[in-house]
N, C-alpha and C. Protein backbone atom coordinates (compact mmCIF):
# COMPACT_ATOMS: atom_id res chain seq x y z
N UNK A 1 118.75 51.60 60.74
CA UNK A 1 119.20 52.88 60.26
C UNK A 1 118.59 53.18 58.89
N UNK A 2 118.09 54.36 58.73
CA UNK A 2 117.51 54.75 57.44
C UNK A 2 118.63 55.16 56.49
N UNK A 3 118.48 54.81 55.21
CA UNK A 3 119.52 55.20 54.25
C UNK A 3 119.55 56.72 54.07
N UNK A 4 120.74 57.25 53.88
CA UNK A 4 120.88 58.69 53.68
C UNK A 4 120.38 59.06 52.28
N UNK A 5 119.67 60.14 52.20
CA UNK A 5 119.19 60.60 50.91
C UNK A 5 120.15 61.63 50.36
N UNK A 6 120.35 61.54 49.09
CA UNK A 6 121.26 62.48 48.43
C UNK A 6 120.52 63.78 48.16
N UNK A 7 121.14 64.90 48.46
CA UNK A 7 120.52 66.19 48.20
C UNK A 7 120.50 66.45 46.70
N UNK A 8 119.37 66.91 46.21
CA UNK A 8 119.25 67.21 44.79
C UNK A 8 119.85 68.58 44.50
N UNK A 9 120.64 68.63 43.45
CA UNK A 9 121.25 69.89 43.04
C UNK A 9 120.37 70.53 41.98
N UNK A 10 119.96 71.76 42.20
CA UNK A 10 119.18 72.50 41.21
C UNK A 10 120.10 73.52 40.56
N UNK A 11 120.14 73.48 39.23
CA UNK A 11 120.95 74.45 38.51
C UNK A 11 120.29 75.82 38.59
N UNK A 12 121.08 76.87 38.69
CA UNK A 12 120.49 78.22 38.72
C UNK A 12 119.84 78.54 37.37
N UNK A 13 118.85 79.38 37.42
CA UNK A 13 118.13 79.77 36.21
C UNK A 13 119.04 80.60 35.31
N UNK A 14 119.01 80.29 34.03
CA UNK A 14 119.84 81.02 33.07
C UNK A 14 119.17 82.34 32.74
N UNK A 15 119.84 83.44 33.10
CA UNK A 15 119.26 84.76 32.83
C UNK A 15 120.12 85.57 31.86
N UNK A 16 121.35 85.14 31.62
CA UNK A 16 122.23 85.83 30.69
C UNK A 16 122.37 84.99 29.43
N UNK A 17 122.06 85.59 28.31
CA UNK A 17 122.11 84.88 27.03
C UNK A 17 123.13 85.54 26.12
N UNK A 18 123.90 84.73 25.43
CA UNK A 18 124.86 85.19 24.44
C UNK A 18 124.17 85.12 23.08
N UNK A 19 124.54 86.02 22.18
CA UNK A 19 123.91 86.05 20.86
C UNK A 19 124.03 84.72 20.12
N UNK A 20 125.17 84.06 20.27
CA UNK A 20 125.38 82.79 19.57
C UNK A 20 124.52 81.68 20.16
N UNK A 21 124.25 81.71 21.44
CA UNK A 21 123.41 80.67 22.04
C UNK A 21 121.95 80.84 21.63
N UNK A 22 121.54 82.06 21.31
CA UNK A 22 120.17 82.28 20.84
C UNK A 22 119.95 81.70 19.45
N UNK A 23 121.00 81.64 18.65
CA UNK A 23 120.87 81.13 17.29
C UNK A 23 120.55 79.65 17.25
N UNK A 24 120.94 78.90 18.27
CA UNK A 24 120.74 77.46 18.28
C UNK A 24 119.39 77.02 18.83
N UNK A 25 118.58 77.95 19.29
CA UNK A 25 117.29 77.59 19.88
C UNK A 25 116.25 77.31 18.81
N UNK A 26 115.29 76.45 19.15
CA UNK A 26 114.17 76.25 18.21
C UNK A 26 113.27 77.49 18.28
N UNK A 27 112.37 77.61 17.34
CA UNK A 27 111.58 78.84 17.19
C UNK A 27 110.75 79.14 18.44
N UNK A 28 110.15 78.12 19.03
CA UNK A 28 109.28 78.34 20.19
C UNK A 28 110.07 78.85 21.40
N UNK A 29 111.20 78.23 21.68
CA UNK A 29 112.05 78.64 22.81
C UNK A 29 112.64 80.03 22.54
N UNK A 30 113.02 80.29 21.29
CA UNK A 30 113.59 81.59 20.91
C UNK A 30 112.60 82.71 21.20
N UNK A 31 111.34 82.50 20.85
CA UNK A 31 110.31 83.53 21.07
C UNK A 31 110.12 83.80 22.55
N UNK A 32 110.13 82.74 23.37
CA UNK A 32 109.96 82.91 24.82
C UNK A 32 111.12 83.68 25.42
N UNK A 33 112.35 83.37 24.98
CA UNK A 33 113.52 84.04 25.52
C UNK A 33 113.55 85.51 25.10
N UNK A 34 113.27 85.78 23.84
CA UNK A 34 113.26 87.17 23.34
C UNK A 34 112.20 87.99 24.06
N UNK A 35 111.05 87.39 24.30
CA UNK A 35 109.99 88.09 25.03
C UNK A 35 110.47 88.49 26.42
N UNK A 36 111.17 87.60 27.10
CA UNK A 36 111.68 87.92 28.44
C UNK A 36 112.82 88.93 28.39
N UNK A 37 113.59 88.91 27.31
CA UNK A 37 114.64 89.91 27.15
C UNK A 37 114.02 91.30 26.97
N UNK A 38 112.97 91.38 26.19
CA UNK A 38 112.30 92.66 25.96
C UNK A 38 111.63 93.18 27.24
N UNK A 39 111.18 92.27 28.12
CA UNK A 39 110.60 92.68 29.40
C UNK A 39 111.67 92.88 30.47
N UNK A 40 112.93 92.75 30.09
CA UNK A 40 114.10 92.95 30.94
C UNK A 40 114.17 91.96 32.10
N UNK A 41 113.63 90.74 31.90
CA UNK A 41 113.80 89.68 32.88
C UNK A 41 115.11 88.94 32.62
N UNK A 42 115.50 88.85 31.34
CA UNK A 42 116.75 88.24 30.93
C UNK A 42 117.65 89.33 30.35
N UNK A 43 118.94 89.01 30.18
CA UNK A 43 119.86 90.00 29.65
C UNK A 43 120.72 89.34 28.57
N UNK A 44 121.09 90.12 27.57
CA UNK A 44 121.96 89.64 26.48
C UNK A 44 123.36 90.16 26.75
N UNK A 45 124.33 89.24 26.65
CA UNK A 45 125.72 89.64 26.82
C UNK A 45 126.42 89.54 25.48
N UNK A 46 127.47 90.33 25.31
CA UNK A 46 128.19 90.34 24.03
C UNK A 46 129.36 89.39 24.10
């Protein structure tokens, strides 16, 4: 009998950002997220 393989869980992509979570990002990640927010791929929640 072959051993059962465990299914890998993939977390959903984060598309909603809170203003406070943006403050904790490093500069490089912050720029990437803001760029996607401006292109309306991501959204900011209050």
